[in-house]
Each structure stands twice: as structure tokens, then as C-alpha cells.
């Protein structure tokens, strides 16, 4: 199949953290007594950011659930249906046959907006290094006491922080542009009702994509 690239559609929004956001990073440099659950940071500046892979993976998962396309083994959805928007936009997982060409969605890493970077930089005077820390413990169901394993320290980006969201959609000559953009926007709306990152059922990861059309 021969495809012709017609245009690039750009989606540029602001992603607001309504609660603390935890997207896990590496613990390779953590010393004894350090954080149990650090967040992902730029390796040079140490400034927090949201990886494009995390955003794209979450949007795909949300829309797979919305479409009833969660596989039995938990793998991302993949099929040969030419009408499947999941495979069209995100790519047909595990399929060698690219019947509709490359995935349409390119999700950039989301970096702090200038006001949020300034706000968090001012907080460096307190030694927080752009983030907050929270200790959590597991409670023994019989005794009601904290587990002997001790508390675990979770690092998070504080509520009120904003990131610049940038998504590029490749539109080919066989595509229905409005249908694709509507489907992506539906995923962004659902993201605000779900959670992003880890520990979403424990109060983390409530985000909102600002300036979306609401019903």
C-alpha cells in the first residue's frame, strides 16, 4: 500500500497536576537511607518531566478499556482490522503487517512550563529539589499496627505543577482527520478522570489537560 503524508496536526495543551504525580525513575544513584521510590528526572538538570512513553502508554490503555479491547494476557491490543483506531493511531502491537502504515501519534516528553519551573526552583531553598516526599506504611490487618518492614518514602511532583503537553498526529491520504483527532481528545478527557503514573488508587496522578472541549 502506498501512503502519502498530507499534514501534521499539532495538539499543544497544558497538563495540570491536581494532586501529587509520581512517575518512577531509576534508583541506581540512590544511597543507603535514600528514597525508595524516586521520580524520573532530566539526567543533566535533575528537573522532573513526564516521558512521552508514559503519556502515550496511558492514553492507549485508557482507550483500549473504553473500546473493550484489553487482551487476556494484558498485552497492548493488536489486530488486523483496518477500521481499528487503536492500531491506526498507536500502532498494531505485535503485528509485522503494517496495513495502515506507521502509527499516527507522536508524543513528546512533557517538560515543566516556565511558571512551574520558576515556582519549583524557588522551593529549592527548602531542599526539596523540585519535589515533595511522603512516607507510607503497610498496616497489619489483625493488629492495626504498621508493618515491621518500616515506612517507604515516595517522591512526587507537587499539586499545582504544570507541564507542556505536545502531541503530533501524522495525517495520511487514507485517514479521516476529524475522526482521529476526536478519538485522541476523548483519551485526553478520560485521562482527567483516571490517573497518570504510579499509585493512582492512593491519591497520586490526578491530572487535567486544560482547555479541552467539555460536554
Protein backbone atom coordinates (compact mmCIF):
# COMPACT_ATOMS: atom_id res chain seq x y z
CA UNK A 1 0.00 0.00 0.00
CA UNK A 2 1.34 3.41 -0.97
CA UNK A 3 0.70 6.19 1.52
CA UNK A 4 1.06 9.93 1.09
CA UNK A 5 1.68 12.12 4.13
CA UNK A 6 -0.71 15.07 3.92
CA UNK A 7 0.00 17.07 7.08
CA UNK A 8 0.98 17.12 10.73
CA UNK A 9 -1.75 18.04 13.20
CA UNK A 10 -0.43 19.55 16.42
CA UNK A 11 -2.06 19.24 19.84
CA UNK A 12 -0.44 21.60 22.35
CA UNK A 13 -2.05 21.80 25.77
CA UNK A 14 -1.15 22.30 29.41
CA UNK A 15 -1.26 19.32 31.75
CA UNK A 16 -2.06 20.34 35.34
CA UNK A 17 -1.25 18.14 38.33
CA UNK A 18 -4.31 18.33 40.59
CA UNK A 19 -2.62 16.01 43.09
CA UNK A 20 0.94 14.78 43.53
CA UNK A 21 2.35 12.99 40.47
CA UNK A 22 4.71 10.03 40.74
CA UNK A 23 6.30 8.59 37.61
CA UNK A 24 9.08 6.31 38.76
CA UNK A 25 12.71 6.86 37.90
CA UNK A 26 15.90 4.88 38.44
CA UNK A 27 17.31 4.07 41.87
CA UNK A 28 20.83 3.48 40.56
CA UNK A 29 22.21 6.56 42.29
CA UNK A 30 20.19 6.22 45.49
CA UNK A 31 22.34 5.76 48.59
CA UNK A 32 21.52 3.91 51.80
CA UNK A 33 18.80 5.85 53.58
CA UNK A 34 17.71 7.44 50.31
CA UNK A 35 14.38 7.37 48.51
CA UNK A 36 12.57 4.09 47.94
CA UNK A 37 10.54 5.45 45.03
CA UNK A 38 12.23 8.36 43.21
CA UNK A 39 10.65 10.09 40.22
CA UNK A 40 12.05 10.38 36.71
CA UNK A 41 14.23 13.46 36.13
CA UNK A 42 16.33 15.01 33.40
CA UNK A 43 19.77 13.43 33.90
CA UNK A 44 21.57 16.77 33.49
CA UNK A 45 19.34 19.35 35.20
CA UNK A 46 17.54 16.97 37.64
CA UNK A 47 14.28 18.74 36.72
CA UNK A 48 11.19 16.46 36.69
CA UNK A 49 9.46 15.72 33.39
CA UNK A 50 6.82 13.33 32.05
CA UNK A 51 8.20 10.84 29.49
CA UNK A 52 6.29 10.72 26.22
CA UNK A 53 6.25 6.94 26.55
CA UNK A 54 4.32 7.20 29.84
CA UNK A 55 1.75 9.55 28.33
CA UNK A 56 1.30 7.53 25.15
CA UNK A 57 1.07 4.24 27.03
CA UNK A 58 -1.54 5.58 29.43
CA UNK A 59 -3.66 7.07 26.65
CA UNK A 60 -3.53 3.78 24.76
CA UNK A 61 -4.54 1.82 27.86
CA UNK A 62 -7.44 4.16 28.63
CA UNK A 63 -8.80 3.94 25.10
CA UNK A 64 -8.32 0.17 24.94
CA UNK A 65 -10.51 -0.15 28.03
CA UNK A 66 -13.04 2.27 26.53
CA UNK A 67 -13.20 0.18 23.36
CA UNK A 68 -13.29 -3.15 25.22
CA UNK A 69 -10.02 -4.23 23.62
CA UNK A 70 -7.97 -5.43 26.59
CA UNK A 71 -6.28 -8.71 25.77
CA UNK A 72 -6.49 -11.73 28.06
CA UNK A 73 -2.75 -11.70 28.74
CA UNK A 74 -2.60 -7.96 29.40
CA UNK A 75 -0.55 -7.07 26.32
CA UNK A 76 -1.39 -3.94 24.32
CA UNK A 77 -4.11 -4.51 21.74
CA UNK A 78 -3.12 -5.53 18.24
CA UNK A 79 -5.35 -6.68 15.38
CA UNK A 80 -5.67 -6.69 11.61
CA UNK A 81 -8.92 -4.71 11.48
CA UNK A 82 -8.35 -1.73 9.15
CA UNK A 83 -11.06 0.19 11.00
CA UNK A 84 -9.40 -0.17 14.43
CA UNK A 85 -8.45 3.32 15.64
CA UNK A 86 -6.25 1.89 18.41
CA UNK A 87 -3.97 0.17 15.90
CA UNK A 88 -4.17 3.05 13.42
CA UNK A 89 -3.18 5.74 15.92
CA UNK A 90 -0.90 3.89 18.34
CA UNK A 91 0.41 1.10 16.12
CA UNK A 92 -0.61 -2.54 15.75
CA UNK A 93 1.18 -4.16 18.67
CA UNK A 94 2.96 -7.41 17.85
CA UNK A 95 1.91 -7.34 14.20
CA UNK A 96 4.50 -7.41 11.44
CA UNK A 97 1.95 -6.37 8.81
CA UNK A 98 1.54 -2.60 8.87
CA UNK A 99 -1.66 -2.44 6.85
CA UNK A 100 -2.13 1.29 7.52
CA UNK A 101 1.48 2.40 7.69
CA UNK A 102 3.21 3.83 10.77
CA UNK A 103 1.49 4.79 13.99
CA UNK A 104 -0.07 8.23 13.69
CA UNK A 105 0.67 9.57 17.18
CA UNK A 106 3.98 11.10 18.27
CA UNK A 107 4.00 12.08 21.96
CA UNK A 108 6.83 14.37 23.07
CA UNK A 109 8.28 14.42 26.56
CA UNK A 110 6.29 16.93 28.65
CA UNK A 111 8.52 19.48 30.37
CA UNK A 112 7.67 22.00 33.06
CA UNK A 113 6.07 25.24 31.96
CA UNK A 114 8.10 28.36 32.73
CA UNK A 115 5.85 29.45 35.65
CA UNK A 116 6.03 25.98 37.22
CA UNK A 117 9.79 25.77 36.77
CA UNK A 118 10.14 29.14 38.49
CA UNK A 119 7.81 28.06 41.32
CA UNK A 120 9.65 24.81 41.95
CA UNK A 121 13.07 26.47 41.64
CA UNK A 122 12.10 28.88 44.41
CA UNK A 123 11.32 25.84 46.53
CA UNK A 124 14.94 24.67 46.26
CA UNK A 125 15.77 26.87 49.24
CA UNK A 126 13.92 24.37 51.42
CA UNK A 127 15.95 21.50 49.97
CA UNK A 128 13.06 19.78 48.22
CA UNK A 129 14.85 19.51 44.82
CA UNK A 130 11.67 20.38 42.89
CA UNK A 131 9.55 17.71 44.59
CA UNK A 132 7.73 16.60 47.71
CA UNK A 133 8.24 13.49 49.83
CA UNK A 134 5.68 11.31 51.51
CA UNK A 135 6.11 8.32 53.79
CA UNK A 136 3.69 5.43 53.52
CA UNK A 137 3.34 2.32 55.64
CA UNK A 138 1.56 -1.00 55.30
CA UNK A 139 -0.88 -1.79 58.10
CA UNK A 140 -1.26 -5.28 59.58
CA UNK A 141 -4.94 -6.17 59.20
CA UNK A 142 -5.09 -8.06 62.51
CA UNK A 143 -3.08 -5.83 64.82
CA UNK A 144 -3.82 -2.48 63.19
CA UNK A 145 -0.15 -1.58 63.55
CA UNK A 146 2.39 -0.56 60.97
CA UNK A 147 4.34 -3.32 59.25
CA UNK A 148 7.77 -4.12 60.65
CA UNK A 149 9.15 -3.53 57.19
CA UNK A 150 9.00 0.15 58.03
CA UNK A 151 7.79 3.16 56.03
CA UNK A 152 8.63 3.66 52.37
CA UNK A 153 9.38 7.13 51.06
CA UNK A 154 7.68 8.18 47.82
CA UNK A 155 8.78 11.21 45.85
CA UNK A 156 6.21 13.21 43.88
CA UNK A 157 5.76 16.36 41.83
CA UNK A 158 3.51 18.64 43.92
CA UNK A 159 -0.07 19.57 43.09
CA UNK A 160 -0.41 22.73 41.02
CA UNK A 161 2.58 21.92 38.82
CA UNK A 162 2.01 22.28 35.07
CA UNK A 163 3.67 20.54 32.15
CA UNK A 164 3.63 21.48 28.45
CA UNK A 165 1.85 18.70 26.54
CA UNK A 166 2.79 18.34 22.86
CA UNK A 167 1.34 15.65 20.61
CA UNK A 168 1.86 15.43 16.84
CA UNK A 169 -0.55 13.45 14.66
CA UNK A 170 0.58 12.32 11.21
CA UNK A 171 -2.28 12.52 8.72
CA UNK A 172 -2.04 10.37 5.57
CA UNK A 173 -4.21 10.44 2.48
CA UNK A 174 -6.27 7.44 3.65
CA UNK A 175 -7.05 8.97 7.06
CA UNK A 176 -10.15 10.63 8.47
CA UNK A 177 -8.51 13.55 10.26
CA UNK A 178 -11.51 14.64 12.33
CA UNK A 179 -12.16 11.07 13.49
CA UNK A 180 -8.55 10.60 14.61
CA UNK A 181 -8.38 13.92 16.45
CA UNK A 182 -11.72 13.30 18.17
CA UNK A 183 -10.51 9.89 19.35
CA UNK A 184 -7.28 11.36 20.75
CA UNK A 185 -9.21 14.14 22.51
CA UNK A 186 -11.51 11.54 24.05
CA UNK A 187 -8.44 9.86 25.51
CA UNK A 188 -7.21 13.16 26.94
CA UNK A 189 -10.62 13.78 28.54
CA UNK A 190 -10.65 10.32 30.07
CA UNK A 191 -7.14 10.88 31.43
CA UNK A 192 -8.58 13.57 33.69
CA UNK A 193 -10.97 11.02 35.19
CA UNK A 194 -8.32 8.34 35.61
CA UNK A 195 -4.73 8.73 36.81
CA UNK A 196 -1.23 9.10 35.39
CA UNK A 197 1.86 7.41 36.77
CA UNK A 198 2.10 5.14 39.77
CA UNK A 199 -0.10 4.69 42.86
CA UNK A 200 -3.16 6.22 41.20
CA UNK A 201 -5.53 4.48 43.61
CA UNK A 202 -3.68 6.00 46.58
CA UNK A 203 -4.11 9.68 45.78
CA UNK A 204 -1.41 10.23 43.17
CA UNK A 205 -1.62 11.07 39.50
CA UNK A 206 -4.84 13.10 39.25
CA UNK A 207 -4.19 15.35 36.26
CA UNK A 208 -6.19 17.58 33.96
CA UNK A 209 -5.49 18.52 30.35
CA UNK A 210 -6.56 22.16 30.25
CA UNK A 211 -8.58 23.87 27.52
CA UNK A 212 -10.25 20.71 26.21
CA UNK A 213 -13.78 20.90 24.92
CA UNK A 214 -16.16 19.50 27.55
CA UNK A 215 -19.60 18.03 27.10
